[in-house]
Amino acid sequence: MPTKSIKLSEETYRELVELAGKLQAEFKKPVSIEEAIKYLLRRKISDLAGSWDISDGEVREIKESLSKGWRTWKSA
């Protein structure tokens, strides 16, 4: 299969290596950078449901902020 080269910042590369390490621990098998990228591409927003640990105070703050923002929204 043909391959392509891409440029990544050092930070992005480190994050991919870290993700590959986490996936390797989870799947109990070696995981390449390519497999880590494929894993990220297959994810859906719904995969994140329930992954955010948030307090009641933070929920209240977010709701108040959204409510304030919607009050300033002007419809066309």
PDB file of N, CA and C in Angstrom:
ATOM      1  N   MET A   1       0.847  -1.169   0.000  1.00  0.00           N
ATOM      2  CA  MET A   1       0.000   0.000   0.000  1.00  0.00           C
ATOM      3  C   MET A   1       0.898   1.240   0.000  1.00  0.00           C
ATOM      4  N   PRO A   2       0.592   2.239  -0.844  1.00  0.00           N
ATOM      5  CA  PRO A   2       1.401   3.457  -0.866  1.00  0.00           C
ATOM      6  C   PRO A   2       1.295   4.196   0.474  1.00  0.00           C
ATOM      7  N   THR A   3       2.335   4.924   0.812  1.00  0.00           N
ATOM      8  CA  THR A   3       2.335   5.699   2.049  1.00  0.00           C
ATOM      9  C   THR A   3       2.519   7.169   1.734  1.00  0.00           C
ATOM     10  N   LYS A   4       2.169   8.011   2.679  1.00  0.00           N
ATOM     11  CA  LYS A   4       2.324   9.459   2.567  1.00  0.00           C
ATOM     12  C   LYS A   4       3.045   9.959   3.804  1.00  0.00           C
ATOM     13  N   SER A   5       3.790  11.022   3.641  1.00  0.00           N
ATOM     14  CA  SER A   5       4.449  11.666   4.774  1.00  0.00           C
ATOM     15  C   SER A   5       3.665  12.909   5.144  1.00  0.00           C
ATOM     16  N   ILE A   6       3.557  13.174   6.425  1.00  0.00           N
ATOM     17  CA  ILE A   6       2.901  14.396   6.892  1.00  0.00           C
ATOM     18  C   ILE A   6       3.808  15.068   7.910  1.00  0.00           C
ATOM     19  N   LYS A   7       3.661  16.372   8.049  1.00  0.00           N
ATOM     20  CA  LYS A   7       4.438  17.114   9.039  1.00  0.00           C
ATOM     21  C   LYS A   7       3.567  17.334  10.264  1.00  0.00           C
ATOM     22  N   LEU A   8       4.147  17.098  11.422  1.00  0.00           N
ATOM     23  CA  LEU A   8       3.468  17.312  12.689  1.00  0.00           C
ATOM     24  C   LEU A   8       4.359  18.160  13.575  1.00  0.00           C
ATOM     25  N   SER A   9       3.736  18.968  14.407  1.00  0.00           N
ATOM     26  CA  SER A   9       4.532  19.679  15.400  1.00  0.00           C
ATOM     27  C   SER A   9       5.023  18.667  16.424  1.00  0.00           C
ATOM     28  N   GLU A  10       6.050  19.029  17.140  1.00  0.00           N
ATOM     29  CA  GLU A  10       6.584  18.145  18.184  1.00  0.00           C
ATOM     30  C   GLU A  10       5.508  17.843  19.224  1.00  0.00           C
ATOM     31  N   GLU A  11       4.701  18.854  19.560  1.00  0.00           N
ATOM     32  CA  GLU A  11       3.638  18.675  20.552  1.00  0.00           C
ATOM     33  C   GLU A  11       2.597  17.660  20.073  1.00  0.00           C
ATOM     34  N   THR A  12       2.173  17.783  18.820  1.00  0.00           N
ATOM     35  CA  THR A  12       1.184  16.856  18.270  1.00  0.00           C
ATOM     36  C   THR A  12       1.745  15.440  18.225  1.00  0.00           C
ATOM     37  N   TYR A  13       2.993  15.315  17.819  1.00  0.00           N
ATOM     38  CA  TYR A  13       3.627  14.000  17.774  1.00  0.00           C
ATOM     39  C   TYR A  13       3.664  13.380  19.173  1.00  0.00           C
ATOM     40  N   ARG A  14       4.046  14.171  20.171  1.00  0.00           N
ATOM     41  CA  ARG A  14       4.091  13.657  21.558  1.00  0.00           C
ATOM     42  C   ARG A  14       2.705  13.202  22.015  1.00  0.00           C
ATOM     43  N   GLU A  15       1.677  13.973  21.659  1.00  0.00           N
ATOM     44  CA  GLU A  15       0.314  13.598  22.048  1.00  0.00           C
ATOM     45  C   GLU A  15      -0.112  12.300  21.367  1.00  0.00           C
ATOM     46  N   LEU A  16       0.262  12.114  20.109  1.00  0.00           N
ATOM     47  CA  LEU A  16      -0.058  10.871  19.417  1.00  0.00           C
ATOM     48  C   LEU A  16       0.674   9.682  20.037  1.00  0.00           C
ATOM     49  N   VAL A  17       1.933   9.887  20.400  1.00  0.00           N
ATOM     50  CA  VAL A  17       2.696   8.820  21.053  1.00  0.00           C
ATOM     51  C   VAL A  17       2.058   8.462  22.392  1.00  0.00           C
ATOM     52  N   GLU A  18       1.632   9.492  23.131  1.00  0.00           N
ATOM     53  CA  GLU A  18       0.965   9.253  24.422  1.00  0.00           C
ATOM     54  C   GLU A  18      -0.335   8.482  24.224  1.00  0.00           C
ATOM     55  N   LEU A  19      -1.126   8.868  23.219  1.00  0.00           N
ATOM     56  CA  LEU A  19      -2.373   8.158  22.928  1.00  0.00           C
ATOM     57  C   LEU A  19      -2.080   6.713  22.531  1.00  0.00           C
ATOM     58  N   ALA A  20      -1.070   6.508  21.690  1.00  0.00           N
ATOM     59  CA  ALA A  20      -0.711   5.145  21.282  1.00  0.00           C
ATOM     60  C   ALA A  20      -0.340   4.308  22.502  1.00  0.00           C
ATOM     61  N   GLY A  21       0.350   4.915  23.451  1.00  0.00           N
ATOM     62  CA  GLY A  21       0.707   4.201  24.680  1.00  0.00           C
ATOM     63  C   GLY A  21      -0.517   3.816  25.490  1.00  0.00           C
ATOM     64  N   LYS A  22      -1.472   4.739  25.600  1.00  0.00           N
ATOM     65  CA  LYS A  22      -2.712   4.452  26.338  1.00  0.00           C
ATOM     66  C   LYS A  22      -3.504   3.347  25.647  1.00  0.00           C
ATOM     67  N   LEU A  23      -3.581   3.419  24.317  1.00  0.00           N
ATOM     68  CA  LEU A  23      -4.303   2.389  23.574  1.00  0.00           C
ATOM     69  C   LEU A  23      -3.607   1.041  23.704  1.00  0.00           C
ATOM     70  N   GLN A  24      -2.287   1.056  23.715  1.00  0.00           N
ATOM     71  CA  GLN A  24      -1.525  -0.188  23.883  1.00  0.00           C
ATOM     72  C   GLN A  24      -1.854  -0.819  25.230  1.00  0.00           C
ATOM     73  N   ALA A  25      -1.927   0.002  26.275  1.00  0.00           N
ATOM     74  CA  ALA A  25      -2.276  -0.530  27.598  1.00  0.00           C
ATOM     75  C   ALA A  25      -3.711  -1.057  27.610  1.00  0.00           C
ATOM     76  N   GLU A  26      -4.616  -0.341  26.949  1.00  0.00           N
ATOM     77  CA  GLU A  26      -6.022  -0.754  26.911  1.00  0.00           C
ATOM     78  C   GLU A  26      -6.224  -2.031  26.099  1.00  0.00           C
ATOM     79  N   PHE A  27      -5.602  -2.098  24.923  1.00  0.00           N
ATOM     80  CA  PHE A  27      -5.794  -3.240  24.023  1.00  0.00           C
ATOM     81  C   PHE A  27      -4.815  -4.382  24.272  1.00  0.00           C
ATOM     82  N   LYS A  28      -3.810  -4.127  25.121  1.00  0.00           N
ATOM     83  CA  LYS A  28      -2.801  -5.130  25.463  1.00  0.00           C
ATOM     84  C   LYS A  28      -2.096  -5.691  24.221  1.00  0.00           C
ATOM     85  N   LYS A  29      -1.763  -4.778  23.303  1.00  0.00           N
ATOM     86  CA  LYS A  29      -1.001  -5.133  22.103  1.00  0.00           C
ATOM     87  C   LYS A  29      -0.318  -3.867  21.596  1.00  0.00           C
ATOM     88  N   PRO A  30       0.749  -4.007  20.844  1.00  0.00           N
ATOM     89  CA  PRO A  30       1.421  -2.815  20.302  1.00  0.00           C
ATOM     90  C   PRO A  30       0.472  -1.989  19.425  1.00  0.00           C
ATOM     91  N   VAL A  31       0.549  -0.664  19.554  1.00  0.00           N
ATOM     92  CA  VAL A  31      -0.285   0.244  18.766  1.00  0.00           C
ATOM     93  C   VAL A  31       0.627   1.268  18.093  1.00  0.00           C
ATOM     94  N   SER A  32       0.523   1.365  16.776  1.00  0.00           N
ATOM     95  CA  SER A  32       1.353   2.309  16.025  1.00  0.00           C
ATOM     96  C   SER A  32       0.725   3.699  16.031  1.00  0.00           C
ATOM     97  N   ILE A  33       1.506   4.681  15.597  1.00  0.00           N
ATOM     98  CA  ILE A  33       0.986   6.043  15.464  1.00  0.00           C
ATOM     99  C   ILE A  33      -0.166   6.043  14.454  1.00  0.00           C
ATOM    100  N   GLU A  34      -0.026   5.297  13.365  1.00  0.00           N
ATOM    101  CA  GLU A  34      -1.099   5.225  12.372  1.00  0.00           C
ATOM    102  C   GLU A  34      -2.384   4.679  12.989  1.00  0.00           C
ATOM    103  N   GLU A  35      -2.270   3.638  13.809  1.00  0.00           N
ATOM    104  CA  GLU A  35      -3.459   3.083  14.460  1.00  0.00           C
ATOM    105  C   GLU A  35      -4.078   4.102  15.420  1.00  0.00           C
ATOM    106  N   ALA A  36      -3.251   4.887  16.089  1.00  0.00           N
ATOM    107  CA  ALA A  36      -3.759   5.918  16.989  1.00  0.00           C
ATOM    108  C   ALA A  36      -4.537   6.977  16.199  1.00  0.00           C
ATOM    109  N   ILE A  37      -4.016   7.357  15.038  1.00  0.00           N
ATOM    110  CA  ILE A  37      -4.712   8.334  14.198  1.00  0.00           C
ATOM    111  C   ILE A  37      -6.042   7.755  13.708  1.00  0.00           C
ATOM    112  N   LYS A  38      -6.034   6.502  13.262  1.00  0.00           N
ATOM    113  CA  LYS A  38      -7.277   5.860  12.821  1.00  0.00           C
ATOM    114  C   LYS A  38      -8.291   5.798  13.957  1.00  0.00           C
ATOM    115  N   TYR A  39      -7.826   5.515  15.160  1.00  0.00           N
ATOM    116  CA  TYR A  39      -8.703   5.482  16.326  1.00  0.00           C
ATOM    117  C   TYR A  39      -9.380   6.840  16.501  1.00  0.00           C
ATOM    118  N   LEU A  40      -8.607   7.916  16.402  1.00  0.00           N
ATOM    119  CA  LEU A  40      -9.170   9.261  16.544  1.00  0.00           C
ATOM    120  C   LEU A  40     -10.172   9.578  15.439  1.00  0.00           C
ATOM    121  N   LEU A  41      -9.894   9.154  14.224  1.00  0.00           N
ATOM    122  CA  LEU A  41     -10.779   9.437  13.098  1.00  0.00           C
ATOM    123  C   LEU A  41     -12.104   8.686  13.190  1.00  0.00           C
ATOM    124  N   ARG A  42     -12.116   7.541  13.849  1.00  0.00           N
ATOM    125  CA  ARG A  42     -13.341   6.742  13.975  1.00  0.00           C
ATOM    126  C   ARG A  42     -14.233   7.195  15.111  1.00  0.00           C
ATOM    127  N   ARG A  43     -13.732   8.042  15.991  1.00  0.00           N
ATOM    128  CA  ARG A  43     -14.514   8.454  17.158  1.00  0.00           C
ATOM    129  C   ARG A  43     -15.652   9.382  16.762  1.00  0.00           C
ATOM    130  N   LYS A  44     -16.757   9.280  17.498  1.00  0.00           N
ATOM    131  CA  LYS A  44     -17.908  10.153  17.301  1.00  0.00           C
ATOM    132  C   LYS A  44     -18.075  10.978  18.582  1.00  0.00           C
ATOM    133  N   ILE A  45     -18.743  12.097  18.477  1.00  0.00           N
ATOM    134  CA  ILE A  45     -18.958  12.948  19.641  1.00  0.00           C
ATOM    135  C   ILE A  45     -19.700  12.166  20.729  1.00  0.00           C
ATOM    136  N   SER A  46     -20.570  11.250  20.341  1.00  0.00           N
ATOM    137  CA  SER A  46     -21.325  10.473  21.331  1.00  0.00           C
ATOM    138  C   SER A  46     -20.413   9.542  22.137  1.00  0.00           C
ATOM    139  N   ASP A  47     -19.212   9.244  21.615  1.00  0.00           N
ATOM    140  CA  ASP A  47     -18.262   8.418  22.361  1.00  0.00           C
ATOM    141  C   ASP A  47     -17.798   9.119  23.641  1.00  0.00           C
ATOM    142  N   LEU A  48     -17.955  10.438  23.676  1.00  0.00           N
ATOM    143  CA  LEU A  48     -17.501  11.208  24.827  1.00  0.00           C
ATOM    144  C   LEU A  48     -18.562  11.327  25.917  1.00  0.00           C
ATOM    145  N   ALA A  49     -19.771  10.878  25.639  1.00  0.00           N
ATOM    146  CA  ALA A  49     -20.862  11.001  26.601  1.00  0.00           C
ATOM    147  C   ALA A  49     -20.476  10.352  27.922  1.00  0.00           C
ATOM    148  N   GLY A  50     -20.655  11.109  28.979  1.00  0.00           N
ATOM    149  CA  GLY A  50     -20.376  10.605  30.316  1.00  0.00           C
ATOM    150  C   GLY A  50     -18.915  10.643  30.708  1.00  0.00           C
ATOM    151  N   SER A  51     -18.054  11.162  29.854  1.00  0.00           N
ATOM    152  CA  SER A  51     -16.622  11.156  30.163  1.00  0.00           C
ATOM    153  C   SER A  51     -16.162  12.403  30.907  1.00  0.00           C
ATOM    154  N   TRP A  52     -17.038  13.395  31.042  1.00  0.00           N
ATOM    155  CA  TRP A  52     -16.670  14.640  31.680  1.00  0.00           C
ATOM    156  C   TRP A  52     -17.150  14.617  33.119  1.00  0.00           C
ATOM    157  N   ASP A  53     -16.237  14.648  34.056  1.00  0.00           N
ATOM    158  CA  ASP A  53     -16.574  14.690  35.474  1.00  0.00           C
ATOM    159  C   ASP A  53     -16.795  16.148  35.847  1.00  0.00           C
ATOM    160  N   ILE A  54     -18.031  16.502  36.161  1.00  0.00           N
ATOM    161  CA  ILE A  54     -18.390  17.904  36.386  1.00  0.00           C
ATOM    162  C   ILE A  54     -19.233  18.023  37.649  1.00  0.00           C
ATOM    163  N   SER A  55     -18.998  19.084  38.392  1.00  0.00           N
ATOM    164  CA  SER A  55     -19.738  19.293  39.639  1.00  0.00           C
ATOM    165  C   SER A  55     -21.060  20.002  39.355  1.00  0.00           C
ATOM    166  N   ASP A  56     -21.960  19.969  40.329  1.00  0.00           N
ATOM    167  CA  ASP A  56     -23.245  20.661  40.192  1.00  0.00           C
ATOM    168  C   ASP A  56     -23.025  22.160  40.015  1.00  0.00           C
ATOM    169  N   GLY A  57     -22.034  22.709  40.712  1.00  0.00           N
ATOM    170  CA  GLY A  57     -21.730  24.132  40.591  1.00  0.00           C
ATOM    171  C   GLY A  57     -21.275  24.495  39.186  1.00  0.00           C
ATOM    172  N   GLU A  58     -20.454  23.625  38.588  1.00  0.00           N
ATOM    173  CA  GLU A  58     -19.994  23.870  37.218  1.00  0.00           C
ATOM    174  C   GLU A  58     -21.158  23.802  36.227  1.00  0.00           C
ATOM    175  N   VAL A  59     -22.077  22.857  36.444  1.00  0.00           N
ATOM    176  CA  VAL A  59     -23.258  22.746  35.580  1.00  0.00           C
ATOM    177  C   VAL A  59     -24.076  24.032  35.676  1.00  0.00           C
ATOM    178  N   ARG A  60     -24.290  24.496  36.895  1.00  0.00           N
ATOM    179  CA  ARG A  60     -25.048  25.728  37.110  1.00  0.00           C
ATOM    180  C   ARG A  60     -24.383  26.917  36.406  1.00  0.00           C
ATOM    181  N   GLU A  61     -23.061  27.013  36.550  1.00  0.00           N
ATOM    182  CA  GLU A  61     -22.302  28.095  35.930  1.00  0.00           C
ATOM    183  C   GLU A  61     -22.417  28.059  34.400  1.00  0.00           C
ATOM    184  N   ILE A  62     -22.328  26.876  33.834  1.00  0.00           N
ATOM    185  CA  ILE A  62     -22.448  26.731  32.376  1.00  0.00           C
ATOM    186  C   ILE A  62     -23.847  27.125  31.917  1.00  0.00           C
ATOM    187  N   LYS A  63     -24.868  26.661  32.632  1.00  0.00           N
ATOM    188  CA  LYS A  63     -26.250  26.998  32.258  1.00  0.00           C
ATOM    189  C   LYS A  63     -26.499  28.496  32.344  1.00  0.00           C
ATOM    190  N   GLU A  64     -25.992  29.137  33.402  1.00  0.00           N
ATOM    191  CA  GLU A  64     -26.156  30.585  33.546  1.00  0.00           C
ATOM    192  C   GLU A  64     -25.451  31.325  32.417  1.00  0.00           C
ATOM    193  N   SER A  65     -24.258  30.872  32.070  1.00  0.00           N
ATOM    194  CA  SER A  65     -23.493  31.499  30.992  1.00  0.00           C
ATOM    195  C   SER A  65     -24.217  31.350  29.653  1.00  0.00           C
ATOM    196  N   LEU A  66     -24.756  30.169  29.383  1.00  0.00           N
ATOM    197  CA  LEU A  66     -25.510  29.952  28.149  1.00  0.00           C
ATOM    198  C   LEU A  66     -26.763  30.813  28.116  1.00  0.00           C
ATOM    199  N   SER A  67     -27.466  30.871  29.225  1.00  0.00           N
ATOM    200  CA  SER A  67     -28.683  31.674  29.307  1.00  0.00           C
ATOM    201  C   SER A  67     -28.370  33.144  29.040  1.00  0.00           C
ATOM    202  N   LYS A  68     -27.303  33.641  29.633  1.00  0.00           N
ATOM    203  CA  LYS A  68     -26.883  35.033  29.417  1.00  0.00           C
ATOM    204  C   LYS A  68     -26.532  35.259  27.948  1.00  0.00           C
ATOM    205  N   GLY A  69     -25.810  34.329  27.350  1.00  0.00           N
ATOM    206  CA  GLY A  69     -25.448  34.443  25.935  1.00  0.00           C
ATOM    207  C   GLY A  69     -26.643  34.438  25.027  1.00  0.00           C
ATOM    208  N   TRP A  70     -27.630  33.569  25.297  1.00  0.00           N
ATOM    209  CA  TRP A  70     -28.821  33.499  24.452  1.00  0.00           C
ATOM    210  C   TRP A  70     -29.646  34.776  24.554  1.00  0.00           C
ATOM    211  N   ARG A  71     -29.644  35.435  25.716  1.00  0.00           N
ATOM    212  CA  ARG A  71     -30.403  36.696  25.863  1.00  0.00           C
ATOM    213  C   ARG A  71     -29.830  37.786  24.970  1.00  0.00           C
ATOM    214  N   THR A  72     -28.539  37.735  24.668  1.00  0.00           N
ATOM    215  CA  THR A  72     -27.929  38.760  23.823  1.00  0.00           C
ATOM    216  C   THR A  72     -28.029  38.418  22.334  1.00  0.00           C
ATOM    217  N   TRP A  73     -28.517  37.237  22.010  1.00  0.00           N
ATOM    218  CA  TRP A  73     -28.632  36.794  20.616  1.00  0.00           C
ATOM    219  C   TRP A  73     -29.785  37.527  19.947  1.00  0.00           C
ATOM    220  N   LYS A  74     -29.543  38.045  18.807  1.00  0.00           N
ATOM    221  CA  LYS A  74     -30.572  38.747  18.067  1.00  0.00           C
ATOM    222  C   LYS A  74     -30.943  37.920  16.837  1.00  0.00           C
ATOM    223  N   SER A  75     -32.235  37.657  16.665  1.00  0.00           N
ATOM    224  CA  SER A  75     -32.657  36.890  15.485  1.00  0.00           C
ATOM    225  C   SER A  75     -32.846  37.837  14.306  1.00  0.00           C
ATOM    226  N   ALA A  76     -32.722  37.287  13.135  1.00  0.00           N
ATOM    227  CA  ALA A  76     -32.805  38.104  11.910  1.00  0.00           C
ATOM    228  C   ALA A  76     -34.232  38.418  11.531  1.00  0.00           C
TER     229      ALA A  76
END
